[in-house]
PDB file of N, CA and C in Angstrom:
ATOM      1  N   MET A   1      -6.256  11.670   6.698  1.00  0.00           N
ATOM      2  CA  MET A   1      -5.832  10.934   5.534  1.00  0.00           C
ATOM      3  C   MET A   1      -5.022  11.858   4.639  1.00  0.00           C
ATOM      4  N   ALA A   2      -3.928  11.329   4.097  1.00  0.00           N
ATOM      5  CA  ALA A   2      -3.098  12.120   3.215  1.00  0.00           C
ATOM      6  C   ALA A   2      -3.223  11.606   1.784  1.00  0.00           C
ATOM      7  N   ALA A   3      -3.150  12.503   0.803  1.00  0.00           N
ATOM      8  CA  ALA A   3      -3.178  12.088  -0.563  1.00  0.00           C
ATOM      9  C   ALA A   3      -1.797  11.521  -0.913  1.00  0.00           C
ATOM     10  N   ILE A   4      -1.753  10.303  -1.379  1.00  0.00           N
ATOM     11  CA  ILE A   4      -0.492   9.632  -1.650  1.00  0.00           C
ATOM     12  C   ILE A   4      -0.578   9.087  -3.077  1.00  0.00           C
ATOM     13  N   GLY A   5       0.557   9.090  -3.773  1.00  0.00           N
ATOM     14  CA  GLY A   5       0.630   8.479  -5.073  1.00  0.00           C
ATOM     15  C   GLY A   5       0.171   9.407  -6.203  1.00  0.00           C
ATOM     16  N   LYS A   6       0.490   9.004  -7.436  1.00  0.00           N
ATOM     17  CA  LYS A   6       0.158   9.799  -8.623  1.00  0.00           C
ATOM     18  C   LYS A   6      -1.337  10.000  -8.777  1.00  0.00           C
ATOM     19  N   GLY A   7      -2.097   8.987  -8.474  1.00  0.00           N
ATOM     20  CA  GLY A   7      -3.544   9.085  -8.675  1.00  0.00           C
ATOM     21  C   GLY A   7      -4.272   9.789  -7.551  1.00  0.00           C
ATOM     22  N   GLY A   8      -3.528  10.260  -6.575  1.00  0.00           N
ATOM     23  CA  GLY A   8      -4.178  10.978  -5.474  1.00  0.00           C
ATOM     24  C   GLY A   8      -4.965  10.058  -4.554  1.00  0.00           C
ATOM     25  N   VAL A   9      -4.660   8.777  -4.543  1.00  0.00           N
ATOM     26  CA  VAL A   9      -5.361   7.834  -3.677  1.00  0.00           C
ATOM     27  C   VAL A   9      -4.982   8.173  -2.231  1.00  0.00           C
ATOM     28  N   GLY A  10      -5.999   8.384  -1.388  1.00  0.00           N
ATOM     29  CA  GLY A  10      -5.714   8.788  -0.007  1.00  0.00           C
ATOM     30  C   GLY A  10      -5.836   7.645   0.967  1.00  0.00           C
ATOM     31  N   PHE A  11      -4.919   7.559   1.882  1.00  0.00           N
ATOM     32  CA  PHE A  11      -4.987   6.594   2.971  1.00  0.00           C
ATOM     33  C   PHE A  11      -4.001   6.993   4.022  1.00  0.00           C
ATOM     34  N   GLU A  12      -4.239   6.558   5.231  1.00  0.00           N
ATOM     35  CA  GLU A  12      -3.306   6.847   6.277  1.00  0.00           C
ATOM     36  C   GLU A  12      -2.128   5.903   6.119  1.00  0.00           C
ATOM     37  N   ASP A  13      -0.928   6.457   6.044  1.00  0.00           N
ATOM     38  CA  ASP A  13       0.257   5.667   5.773  1.00  0.00           C
ATOM     39  C   ASP A  13       0.707   4.944   7.046  1.00  0.00           C
ATOM     40  N   LEU A  14       0.205   3.709   7.196  1.00  0.00           N
ATOM     41  CA  LEU A  14       0.546   2.897   8.357  1.00  0.00           C
ATOM     42  C   LEU A  14       1.661   1.913   8.089  1.00  0.00           C
ATOM     43  N   LEU A  15       2.123   1.814   6.853  1.00  0.00           N
ATOM     44  CA  LEU A  15       3.137   0.856   6.524  1.00  0.00           C
ATOM     45  C   LEU A  15       4.430   1.067   7.331  1.00  0.00           C
ATOM     46  N   PRO A  16       4.916   2.304   7.502  1.00  0.00           N
ATOM     47  CA  PRO A  16       6.155   2.458   8.305  1.00  0.00           C
ATOM     48  C   PRO A  16       5.965   1.971   9.740  1.00  0.00           C
ATOM     49  N   VAL A  17       4.803   2.220  10.319  1.00  0.00           N
ATOM     50  CA  VAL A  17       4.545   1.741  11.673  1.00  0.00           C
ATOM     51  C   VAL A  17       4.564   0.230  11.710  1.00  0.00           C
ATOM     52  N   MET A  18       3.916  -0.390  10.718  1.00  0.00           N
ATOM     53  CA  MET A  18       3.903  -1.864  10.622  1.00  0.00           C
ATOM     54  C   MET A  18       5.313  -2.410  10.426  1.00  0.00           C
ATOM     55  N   ALA A  19       6.096  -1.754   9.568  1.00  0.00           N
ATOM     56  CA  ALA A  19       7.467  -2.198   9.299  1.00  0.00           C
ATOM     57  C   ALA A  19       8.302  -2.166  10.579  1.00  0.00           C
ATOM     58  N   ASN A  20       8.178  -1.077  11.316  1.00  0.00           N
ATOM     59  CA  ASN A  20       8.932  -0.951  12.574  1.00  0.00           C
ATOM     60  C   ASN A  20       8.510  -1.972  13.604  1.00  0.00           C
ATOM     61  N   LYS A  21       7.225  -2.247  13.656  1.00  0.00           N
ATOM     62  CA  LYS A  21       6.699  -3.177  14.648  1.00  0.00           C
ATOM     63  C   LYS A  21       6.937  -4.635  14.250  1.00  0.00           C
ATOM     64  N   LEU A  22       6.735  -4.977  12.962  1.00  0.00           N
ATOM     65  CA  LEU A  22       6.773  -6.337  12.534  1.00  0.00           C
ATOM     66  C   LEU A  22       8.094  -6.796  11.951  1.00  0.00           C
ATOM     67  N   GLY A  23       8.917  -5.855  11.505  1.00  0.00           N
ATOM     68  CA  GLY A  23      10.141  -6.180  10.766  1.00  0.00           C
ATOM     69  C   GLY A  23       9.796  -6.510   9.328  1.00  0.00           C
ATOM     70  N   GLY A  24      10.842  -6.701   8.538  1.00  0.00           N
ATOM     71  CA  GLY A  24      10.676  -6.917   7.095  1.00  0.00           C
ATOM     72  C   GLY A  24       9.804  -8.127   6.769  1.00  0.00           C
ATOM     73  N   GLU A  25      10.088  -9.243   7.398  1.00  0.00           N
ATOM     74  CA  GLU A  25       9.319 -10.475   7.111  1.00  0.00           C
ATOM     75  C   GLU A  25       7.864 -10.324   7.553  1.00  0.00           C
ATOM     76  N   GLY A  26       7.649  -9.762   8.701  1.00  0.00           N
ATOM     77  CA  GLY A  26       6.261  -9.585   9.174  1.00  0.00           C
ATOM     78  C   GLY A  26       5.483  -8.644   8.297  1.00  0.00           C
ATOM     79  N   LEU A  27       6.115  -7.592   7.825  1.00  0.00           N
ATOM     80  CA  LEU A  27       5.434  -6.655   6.929  1.00  0.00           C
ATOM     81  C   LEU A  27       5.037  -7.343   5.628  1.00  0.00           C
ATOM     82  N   ILE A  28       5.948  -8.090   5.056  1.00  0.00           N
ATOM     83  CA  ILE A  28       5.657  -8.820   3.805  1.00  0.00           C
ATOM     84  C   ILE A  28       4.517  -9.797   4.050  1.00  0.00           C
ATOM     85  N   ASN A  29       4.494 -10.484   5.178  1.00  0.00           N
ATOM     86  CA  ASN A  29       3.392 -11.393   5.497  1.00  0.00           C
ATOM     87  C   ASN A  29       2.066 -10.661   5.587  1.00  0.00           C
ATOM     88  N   GLU A  30       2.068  -9.469   6.214  1.00  0.00           N
ATOM     89  CA  GLU A  30       0.838  -8.685   6.311  1.00  0.00           C
ATOM     90  C   GLU A  30       0.368  -8.209   4.937  1.00  0.00           C
ATOM     91  N   LEU A  31       1.315  -7.777   4.114  1.00  0.00           N
ATOM     92  CA  LEU A  31       0.940  -7.397   2.752  1.00  0.00           C
ATOM     93  C   LEU A  31       0.350  -8.551   1.973  1.00  0.00           C
ATOM     94  N   CYS A  32       0.912  -9.739   2.158  1.00  0.00           N
ATOM     95  CA  CYS A  32       0.372 -10.933   1.501  1.00  0.00           C
ATOM     96  C   CYS A  32      -1.048 -11.208   2.005  1.00  0.00           C
ATOM     97  N   ASN A  33      -1.295 -11.025   3.317  1.00  0.00           N
ATOM     98  CA  ASN A  33      -2.641 -11.187   3.855  1.00  0.00           C
ATOM     99  C   ASN A  33      -3.596 -10.177   3.251  1.00  0.00           C
ATOM    100  N   GLY A  34      -3.143  -8.944   3.096  1.00  0.00           N
ATOM    101  CA  GLY A  34      -3.991  -7.901   2.473  1.00  0.00           C
ATOM    102  C   GLY A  34      -4.305  -8.260   1.046  1.00  0.00           C
ATOM    103  N   PHE A  35      -3.347  -8.809   0.327  1.00  0.00           N
ATOM    104  CA  PHE A  35      -3.591  -9.243  -1.046  1.00  0.00           C
ATOM    105  C   PHE A  35      -4.662 -10.332  -1.075  1.00  0.00           C
ATOM    106  N   GLU A  36      -4.530 -11.294  -0.183  1.00  0.00           N
ATOM    107  CA  GLU A  36      -5.497 -12.401  -0.122  1.00  0.00           C
ATOM    108  C   GLU A  36      -6.912 -11.899   0.122  1.00  0.00           C
ATOM    109  N   LEU A  37      -7.056 -10.827   0.956  1.00  0.00           N
ATOM    110  CA  LEU A  37      -8.377 -10.293   1.239  1.00  0.00           C
ATOM    111  C   LEU A  37      -8.970  -9.595   0.055  1.00  0.00           C
ATOM    112  N   LEU A  38      -8.145  -8.980  -0.784  1.00  0.00           N
ATOM    113  CA  LEU A  38      -8.623  -8.198  -1.924  1.00  0.00           C
ATOM    114  C   LEU A  38      -8.760  -9.001  -3.225  1.00  0.00           C
ATOM    115  N   MET A  39      -8.105 -10.120  -3.303  1.00  0.00           N
ATOM    116  CA  MET A  39      -8.049 -10.849  -4.578  1.00  0.00           C
ATOM    117  C   MET A  39      -9.352 -11.551  -4.945  1.00  0.00           C
ATOM    118  N   ASP A  40      -9.516 -11.772  -6.211  1.00  0.00           N
ATOM    119  CA  ASP A  40     -10.589 -12.620  -6.755  1.00  0.00           C
ATOM    120  C   ASP A  40     -10.140 -14.048  -6.458  1.00  0.00           C
ATOM    121  N   LYS A  41     -10.912 -14.753  -5.651  1.00  0.00           N
ATOM    122  CA  LYS A  41     -10.485 -16.082  -5.159  1.00  0.00           C
ATOM    123  C   LYS A  41     -10.351 -17.087  -6.308  1.00  0.00           C
ATOM    124  N   GLU A  42     -11.133 -16.942  -7.348  1.00  0.00           N
ATOM    125  CA  GLU A  42     -11.063 -17.869  -8.488  1.00  0.00           C
ATOM    126  C   GLU A  42      -9.857 -17.608  -9.375  1.00  0.00           C
ATOM    127  N   LYS A  43      -9.548 -16.321  -9.558  1.00  0.00           N
ATOM    128  CA  LYS A  43      -8.467 -15.951 -10.492  1.00  0.00           C
ATOM    129  C   LYS A  43      -7.109 -15.840  -9.817  1.00  0.00           C
ATOM    130  N   GLY A  44      -7.089 -15.631  -8.482  1.00  0.00           N
ATOM    131  CA  GLY A  44      -5.820 -15.514  -7.764  1.00  0.00           C
ATOM    132  C   GLY A  44      -5.118 -14.214  -7.941  1.00  0.00           C
ATOM    133  N   VAL A  45      -5.839 -13.178  -8.438  1.00  0.00           N
ATOM    134  CA  VAL A  45      -5.269 -11.843  -8.643  1.00  0.00           C
ATOM    135  C   VAL A  45      -6.330 -10.833  -8.156  1.00  0.00           C
ATOM    136  N   ILE A  46      -5.886  -9.596  -8.014  1.00  0.00           N
ATOM    137  CA  ILE A  46      -6.842  -8.513  -7.698  1.00  0.00           C
ATOM    138  C   ILE A  46      -7.348  -7.940  -8.966  1.00  0.00           C
ATOM    139  N   THR A  47      -8.639  -7.971  -9.164  1.00  0.00           N
ATOM    140  CA  THR A  47      -9.295  -7.364 -10.314  1.00  0.00           C
ATOM    141  C   THR A  47      -9.954  -6.073  -9.829  1.00  0.00           C
ATOM    142  N   LEU A  48     -10.351  -5.228 -10.754  1.00  0.00           N
ATOM    143  CA  LEU A  48     -11.070  -4.025 -10.351  1.00  0.00           C
ATOM    144  C   LEU A  48     -12.364  -4.402  -9.614  1.00  0.00           C
ATOM    145  N   ASP A  49     -13.035  -5.433 -10.078  1.00  0.00           N
ATOM    146  CA  ASP A  49     -14.259  -5.876  -9.442  1.00  0.00           C
ATOM    147  C   ASP A  49     -13.978  -6.413  -8.038  1.00  0.00           C
ATOM    148  N   SER A  50     -12.945  -7.216  -7.856  1.00  0.00           N
ATOM    149  CA  SER A  50     -12.619  -7.725  -6.515  1.00  0.00           C
ATOM    150  C   SER A  50     -12.213  -6.633  -5.600  1.00  0.00           C
ATOM    151  N   LEU A  51     -11.500  -5.606  -6.131  1.00  0.00           N
ATOM    152  CA  LEU A  51     -11.104  -4.465  -5.326  1.00  0.00           C
ATOM    153  C   LEU A  51     -12.348  -3.687  -4.870  1.00  0.00           C
ATOM    154  N   ARG A  52     -13.289  -3.483  -5.781  1.00  0.00           N
ATOM    155  CA  ARG A  52     -14.559  -2.820  -5.419  1.00  0.00           C
ATOM    156  C   ARG A  52     -15.291  -3.582  -4.278  1.00  0.00           C
ATOM    157  N   LYS A  53     -15.382  -4.890  -4.454  1.00  0.00           N
ATOM    158  CA  LYS A  53     -16.141  -5.715  -3.505  1.00  0.00           C
ATOM    159  C   LYS A  53     -15.490  -5.804  -2.145  1.00  0.00           C
ATOM    160  N   ASN A  54     -14.179  -5.854  -2.133  1.00  0.00           N
ATOM    161  CA  ASN A  54     -13.463  -6.152  -0.877  1.00  0.00           C
ATOM    162  C   ASN A  54     -12.731  -4.968  -0.233  1.00  0.00           C
ATOM    163  N   ALA A  55     -12.800  -3.814  -0.852  1.00  0.00           N
ATOM    164  CA  ALA A  55     -12.055  -2.646  -0.354  1.00  0.00           C
ATOM    165  C   ALA A  55     -12.406  -2.307   1.109  1.00  0.00           C
ATOM    166  N   ALA A  56     -13.671  -2.478   1.492  1.00  0.00           N
ATOM    167  CA  ALA A  56     -14.105  -2.134   2.830  1.00  0.00           C
ATOM    168  C   ALA A  56     -13.407  -2.935   3.901  1.00  0.00           C
ATOM    169  N   VAL A  57     -12.988  -4.152   3.541  1.00  0.00           N
ATOM    170  CA  VAL A  57     -12.294  -5.056   4.477  1.00  0.00           C
ATOM    171  C   VAL A  57     -11.013  -4.363   4.983  1.00  0.00           C
ATOM    172  N   LEU A  58     -10.358  -3.562   4.116  1.00  0.00           N
ATOM    173  CA  LEU A  58      -9.115  -2.908   4.490  1.00  0.00           C
ATOM    174  C   LEU A  58      -9.333  -1.447   4.800  1.00  0.00           C
ATOM    175  N   GLY A  59     -10.569  -1.034   5.015  1.00  0.00           N
ATOM    176  CA  GLY A  59     -10.870   0.349   5.358  1.00  0.00           C
ATOM    177  C   GLY A  59     -10.835   1.289   4.195  1.00  0.00           C
ATOM    178  N   LEU A  60     -10.987   0.777   2.988  1.00  0.00           N
ATOM    179  CA  LEU A  60     -10.913   1.585   1.777  1.00  0.00           C
ATOM    180  C   LEU A  60     -12.299   1.843   1.192  1.00  0.00           C
ATOM    181  N   GLN A  61     -13.338   1.687   1.978  1.00  0.00           N
ATOM    182  CA  GLN A  61     -14.689   1.796   1.456  1.00  0.00           C
ATOM    183  C   GLN A  61     -15.039   3.200   0.951  1.00  0.00           C
ATOM    184  N   ASP A  62     -14.294   4.207   1.366  1.00  0.00           N
ATOM    185  CA  ASP A  62     -14.586   5.587   0.977  1.00  0.00           C
ATOM    186  C   ASP A  62     -13.929   5.986  -0.312  1.00  0.00           C
ATOM    187  N   LEU A  63     -13.115   5.092  -0.897  1.00  0.00           N
ATOM    188  CA  LEU A  63     -12.487   5.408  -2.168  1.00  0.00           C
ATOM    189  C   LEU A  63     -13.508   5.442  -3.283  1.00  0.00           C
ATOM    190  N   LYS A  64     -13.408   6.469  -4.144  1.00  0.00           N
ATOM    191  CA  LYS A  64     -14.312   6.613  -5.268  1.00  0.00           C
ATOM    192  C   LYS A  64     -13.871   5.717  -6.423  1.00  0.00           C
ATOM    193  N   GLU A  65     -14.763   5.491  -7.380  1.00  0.00           N
ATOM    194  CA  GLU A  65     -14.470   4.620  -8.510  1.00  0.00           C
ATOM    195  C   GLU A  65     -13.184   5.052  -9.230  1.00  0.00           C
ATOM    196  N   ASP A  66     -13.032   6.346  -9.493  1.00  0.00           N
ATOM    197  CA  ASP A  66     -11.831   6.794 -10.204  1.00  0.00           C
ATOM    198  C   ASP A  66     -10.566   6.590  -9.379  1.00  0.00           C
ATOM    199  N   GLU A  67     -10.646   6.579  -8.079  1.00  0.00           N
ATOM    200  CA  GLU A  67      -9.513   6.285  -7.209  1.00  0.00           C
ATOM    201  C   GLU A  67      -9.149   4.834  -7.259  1.00  0.00           C
ATOM    202  N   LEU A  68     -10.181   3.947  -7.307  1.00  0.00           N
ATOM    203  CA  LEU A  68      -9.915   2.515  -7.432  1.00  0.00           C
ATOM    204  C   LEU A  68      -9.266   2.194  -8.790  1.00  0.00           C
ATOM    205  N   VAL A  69      -9.804   2.817  -9.835  1.00  0.00           N
ATOM    206  CA  VAL A  69      -9.237   2.615 -11.197  1.00  0.00           C
ATOM    207  C   VAL A  69      -7.796   3.127 -11.211  1.00  0.00           C
ATOM    208  N   SER A  70      -7.542   4.251 -10.617  1.00  0.00           N
ATOM    209  CA  SER A  70      -6.199   4.846 -10.577  1.00  0.00           C
ATOM    210  C   SER A  70      -5.252   3.916  -9.835  1.00  0.00           C
ATOM    211  N   MET A  71      -5.707   3.347  -8.709  1.00  0.00           N
ATOM    212  CA  MET A  71      -4.894   2.431  -7.930  1.00  0.00           C
ATOM    213  C   MET A  71      -4.540   1.213  -8.779  1.00  0.00           C
ATOM    214  N   MET A  72      -5.498   0.674  -9.500  1.00  0.00           N
ATOM    215  CA  MET A  72      -5.239  -0.498 -10.354  1.00  0.00           C
ATOM    216  C   MET A  72      -4.236  -0.144 -11.457  1.00  0.00           C
ATOM    217  N   ARG A  73      -4.419   1.002 -12.077  1.00  0.00           N
ATOM    218  CA  ARG A  73      -3.508   1.396 -13.186  1.00  0.00           C
ATOM    219  C   ARG A  73      -2.058   1.598 -12.650  1.00  0.00           C
ATOM    220  N   GLU A  74      -1.984   2.271 -11.509  1.00  0.00           N
ATOM    221  CA  GLU A  74      -0.656   2.522 -10.967  1.00  0.00           C
ATOM    222  C   GLU A  74       0.069   1.235 -10.574  1.00  0.00           C
ATOM    223  N   GLY A  75      -0.677   0.270 -10.083  1.00  0.00           N
ATOM    224  CA  GLY A  75      -0.044  -0.957  -9.654  1.00  0.00           C
ATOM    225  C   GLY A  75       0.160  -2.000 -10.715  1.00  0.00           C
ATOM    226  N   ASP A  76      -0.530  -1.866 -11.828  1.00  0.00           N
ATOM    227  CA  ASP A  76      -0.503  -2.872 -12.898  1.00  0.00           C
ATOM    228  C   ASP A  76       0.759  -2.692 -13.768  1.00  0.00           C
ATOM    229  N   LEU A  77       1.843  -3.262 -13.318  1.00  0.00           N
ATOM    230  CA  LEU A  77       3.151  -3.047 -13.958  1.00  0.00           C
ATOM    231  C   LEU A  77       3.256  -3.709 -15.310  1.00  0.00           C
ATOM    232  N   ASP A  78       2.555  -4.818 -15.547  1.00  0.00           N
ATOM    233  CA  ASP A  78       2.670  -5.521 -16.822  1.00  0.00           C
ATOM    234  C   ASP A  78       1.493  -5.212 -17.773  1.00  0.00           C
ATOM    235  N   GLY A  79       0.553  -4.361 -17.351  1.00  0.00           N
ATOM    236  CA  GLY A  79      -0.493  -3.904 -18.209  1.00  0.00           C
ATOM    237  C   GLY A  79      -1.582  -4.905 -18.539  1.00  0.00           C
ATOM    238  N   ASP A  80      -1.721  -5.981 -17.701  1.00  0.00           N
ATOM    239  CA  ASP A  80      -2.743  -6.976 -18.001  1.00  0.00           C
ATOM    240  C   ASP A  80      -4.073  -6.721 -17.329  1.00  0.00           C
ATOM    241  N   GLY A  81      -4.209  -5.574 -16.657  1.00  0.00           N
ATOM    242  CA  GLY A  81      -5.485  -5.199 -16.058  1.00  0.00           C
ATOM    243  C   GLY A  81      -5.785  -5.760 -14.694  1.00  0.00           C
ATOM    244  N   VAL A  82      -4.854  -6.502 -14.134  1.00  0.00           N
ATOM    245  CA  VAL A  82      -5.044  -7.068 -12.786  1.00  0.00           C
ATOM    246  C   VAL A  82      -3.743  -6.889 -11.987  1.00  0.00           C
ATOM    247  N   LEU A  83      -3.854  -7.077 -10.669  1.00  0.00           N
ATOM    248  CA  LEU A  83      -2.684  -6.984  -9.825  1.00  0.00           C
ATOM    249  C   LEU A  83      -2.311  -8.365  -9.304  1.00  0.00           C
ATOM    250  N   THR A  84      -1.054  -8.739  -9.564  1.00  0.00           N
ATOM    251  CA  THR A  84      -0.537  -9.983  -8.952  1.00  0.00           C
ATOM    252  C   THR A  84      -0.112  -9.621  -7.525  1.00  0.00           C
ATOM    253  N   GLN A  85       0.263 -10.645  -6.768  1.00  0.00           N
ATOM    254  CA  GLN A  85       0.694 -10.409  -5.418  1.00  0.00           C
ATOM    255  C   GLN A  85       1.930  -9.494  -5.396  1.00  0.00           C
ATOM    256  N   MET A  86       2.854  -9.718  -6.299  1.00  0.00           N
ATOM    257  CA  MET A  86       4.071  -8.889  -6.358  1.00  0.00           C
ATOM    258  C   MET A  86       3.716  -7.435  -6.711  1.00  0.00           C
ATOM    259  N   GLU A  87       2.835  -7.264  -7.702  1.00  0.00           N
ATOM    260  CA  GLU A  87       2.446  -5.885  -8.091  1.00  0.00           C
ATOM    261  C   GLU A  87       1.759  -5.205  -6.922  1.00  0.00           C
ATOM    262  N   PHE A  88       0.939  -5.911  -6.168  1.00  0.00           N
ATOM    263  CA  PHE A  88       0.253  -5.312  -5.037  1.00  0.00           C
ATOM    264  C   PHE A  88       1.265  -4.890  -3.977  1.00  0.00           C
ATOM    265  N   CYS A  89       2.212  -5.729  -3.646  1.00  0.00           N
ATOM    266  CA  CYS A  89       3.235  -5.365  -2.639  1.00  0.00           C
ATOM    267  C   CYS A  89       4.070  -4.179  -3.106  1.00  0.00           C
ATOM    268  N   VAL A  90       4.456  -4.167  -4.364  1.00  0.00           N
ATOM    269  CA  VAL A  90       5.236  -3.024  -4.914  1.00  0.00           C
ATOM    270  C   VAL A  90       4.401  -1.779  -4.838  1.00  0.00           C
ATOM    271  N   LEU A  91       3.093  -1.828  -5.166  1.00  0.00           N
ATOM    272  CA  LEU A  91       2.227  -0.690  -5.072  1.00  0.00           C
ATOM    273  C   LEU A  91       2.125  -0.146  -3.676  1.00  0.00           C
ATOM    274  N   MET A  92       1.966  -1.041  -2.696  1.00  0.00           N
ATOM    275  CA  MET A  92       1.851  -0.592  -1.306  1.00  0.00           C
ATOM    276  C   MET A  92       3.148   0.161  -0.889  1.00  0.00           C
ATOM    277  N   PHE A  93       4.298  -0.349  -1.318  1.00  0.00           N
ATOM    278  CA  PHE A  93       5.546   0.336  -0.997  1.00  0.00           C
ATOM    279  C   PHE A  93       5.619   1.680  -1.672  1.00  0.00           C
ATOM    280  N   ARG A  94       5.217   1.728  -2.949  1.00  0.00           N
ATOM    281  CA  ARG A  94       5.275   2.960  -3.694  1.00  0.00           C
ATOM    282  C   ARG A  94       4.294   4.025  -3.119  1.00  0.00           C
ATOM    283  N   LEU A  95       3.206   3.615  -2.563  1.00  0.00           N
ATOM    284  CA  LEU A  95       2.231   4.533  -2.000  1.00  0.00           C
ATOM    285  C   LEU A  95       2.645   5.034  -0.631  1.00  0.00           C
ATOM    286  N   SER A  96       3.726   4.489  -0.103  1.00  0.00           N
ATOM    287  CA  SER A  96       4.176   4.886   1.217  1.00  0.00           C
ATOM    288  C   SER A  96       5.537   5.607   1.075  1.00  0.00           C
ATOM    289  N   PRO A  97       5.502   6.941   1.073  1.00  0.00           N
ATOM    290  CA  PRO A  97       6.747   7.714   0.874  1.00  0.00           C
ATOM    291  C   PRO A  97       7.841   7.360   1.898  1.00  0.00           C
ATOM    292  N   GLU A  98       7.441   7.201   3.159  1.00  0.00           N
ATOM    293  CA  GLU A  98       8.411   6.908   4.186  1.00  0.00           C
ATOM    294  C   GLU A  98       9.023   5.526   3.977  1.00  0.00           C
ATOM    295  N   LEU A  99       8.207   4.577   3.525  1.00  0.00           N
ATOM    296  CA  LEU A  99       8.750   3.237   3.306  1.00  0.00           C
ATOM    297  C   LEU A  99       9.635   3.177   2.090  1.00  0.00           C
ATOM    298  N   MET A 100       9.387   4.018   1.072  1.00  0.00           N
ATOM    299  CA  MET A 100      10.257   4.045  -0.082  1.00  0.00           C
ATOM    300  C   MET A 100      11.689   4.330   0.393  1.00  0.00           C
ATOM    301  N   GLU A 101      11.833   5.236   1.350  1.00  0.00           N
ATOM    302  CA  GLU A 101      13.161   5.558   1.880  1.00  0.00           C
ATOM    303  C   GLU A 101      13.737   4.394   2.677  1.00  0.00           C
ATOM    304  N   GLU A 102      12.848   3.686   3.372  1.00  0.00           N
ATOM    305  CA  GLU A 102      13.344   2.593   4.251  1.00  0.00           C
ATOM    306  C   GLU A 102      13.242   1.210   3.605  1.00  0.00           C
ATOM    307  N   SER A 103      12.765   1.193   2.369  1.00  0.00           N
ATOM    308  CA  SER A 103      12.429  -0.131   1.772  1.00  0.00           C
ATOM    309  C   SER A 103      13.646  -1.038   1.624  1.00  0.00           C
ATOM    310  N   TRP A 104      14.830  -0.448   1.343  1.00  0.00           N
ATOM    311  CA  TRP A 104      16.023  -1.295   1.218  1.00  0.00           C
ATOM    312  C   TRP A 104      16.319  -2.039   2.518  1.00  0.00           C
ATOM    313  N   PHE A 105      16.085  -1.390   3.618  1.00  0.00           N
ATOM    314  CA  PHE A 105      16.313  -2.014   4.919  1.00  0.00           C
ATOM    315  C   PHE A 105      15.407  -3.240   5.058  1.00  0.00           C
ATOM    316  N   CYS A 106      14.128  -3.074   4.700  1.00  0.00           N
ATOM    317  CA  CYS A 106      13.158  -4.148   4.852  1.00  0.00           C
ATOM    318  C   CYS A 106      13.498  -5.298   3.901  1.00  0.00           C
ATOM    319  N   VAL A 107      13.845  -4.946   2.654  1.00  0.00           N
ATOM    320  CA  VAL A 107      14.196  -5.969   1.655  1.00  0.00           C
ATOM    321  C   VAL A 107      15.432  -6.739   2.119  1.00  0.00           C
ATOM    322  N   GLU A 108      16.434  -6.005   2.597  1.00  0.00           N
ATOM    323  CA  GLU A 108      17.666  -6.666   3.068  1.00  0.00           C
ATOM    324  C   GLU A 108      17.381  -7.571   4.234  1.00  0.00           C
ATOM    325  N   GLU A 109      16.536  -7.114   5.127  1.00  0.00           N
ATOM    326  CA  GLU A 109      16.206  -7.929   6.323  1.00  0.00           C
ATOM    327  C   GLU A 109      15.497  -9.215   5.899  1.00  0.00           C
ATOM    328  N   ALA A 110      14.547  -9.097   4.962  1.00  0.00           N
ATOM    329  CA  ALA A 110      13.808 -10.274   4.504  1.00  0.00           C
ATOM    330  C   ALA A 110      14.745 -11.228   3.753  1.00  0.00           C
ATOM    331  N   LEU A 111      15.642 -10.692   2.950  1.00  0.00           N
ATOM    332  CA  LEU A 111      16.594 -11.526   2.223  1.00  0.00           C
ATOM    333  C   LEU A 111      17.538 -12.226   3.194  1.00  0.00           C
ATOM    334  N   GLN A 112      18.004 -11.493   4.209  1.00  0.00           N
ATOM    335  CA  GLN A 112      18.870 -12.091   5.194  1.00  0.00           C
ATOM    336  C   GLN A 112      18.186 -13.221   5.931  1.00  0.00           C
ATOM    337  N   TYR A 113      16.919 -13.037   6.253  1.00  0.00           N
ATOM    338  CA  TYR A 113      16.131 -14.074   6.909  1.00  0.00           C
ATOM    339  C   TYR A 113      16.067 -15.319   6.015  1.00  0.00           C
ATOM    340  N   GLU A 114      15.765 -15.097   4.698  1.00  0.00           N
ATOM    341  CA  GLU A 114      15.680 -16.203   3.770  1.00  0.00           C
ATOM    342  C   GLU A 114      17.034 -16.944   3.688  1.00  0.00           C
ATOM    343  N   LEU A 115      18.109 -16.182   3.622  1.00  0.00           N
ATOM    344  CA  LEU A 115      19.434 -16.792   3.526  1.00  0.00           C
ATOM    345  C   LEU A 115      19.725 -17.612   4.763  1.00  0.00           C
ATOM    346  N   ASN A 116      19.438 -17.051   5.928  1.00  0.00           N
ATOM    347  CA  ASN A 116      19.713 -17.747   7.213  1.00  0.00           C
ATOM    348  C   ASN A 116      18.872 -19.018   7.354  1.00  0.00           C
ATOM    349  N   ASN A 117      17.671 -19.032   6.800  1.00  0.00           N
ATOM    350  CA  ASN A 117      16.785 -20.164   6.972  1.00  0.00           C
ATOM    351  C   ASN A 117      16.848 -21.153   5.842  1.00  0.00           C
ATOM    352  N   SER A 118      17.663 -20.856   4.807  1.00  0.00           N
ATOM    353  CA  SER A 118      17.742 -21.800   3.691  1.00  0.00           C
ATOM    354  C   SER A 118      18.973 -22.702   3.856  1.00  0.00           C
ATOM    355  N   GLU A 119      19.754 -22.489   4.881  1.00  0.00           N
ATOM    356  CA  GLU A 119      20.959 -23.309   5.082  1.00  0.00           C
ATOM    357  C   GLU A 119      20.656 -24.556   5.850  1.00  0.00           C
TER     358      GLU A 119
END
């Protein structure tokens, strides 16, 4: 496991592998699935409590309380104390150094797919 991100949250960076295997649209779908697993089902967002309860589902059971808090702070772009689906996806990209370099490719591929399928 490598320490990634400002808060030192550690995880094996599998997002580049997923992006290469699934393509932009598939990666976004997988991130959305990850969000669904971590979110508070009643509120529709990831709370610190829902992250604590559901982290093991994504192999994050070894994260300490301060690492979970750090992850929430780093991802909470609007400062409301929770992660929306968009904030979660942005956080996952930010925590993946290799994907930050390749993210434009994935975004462009997803946008191209949307444009092709909206006609």
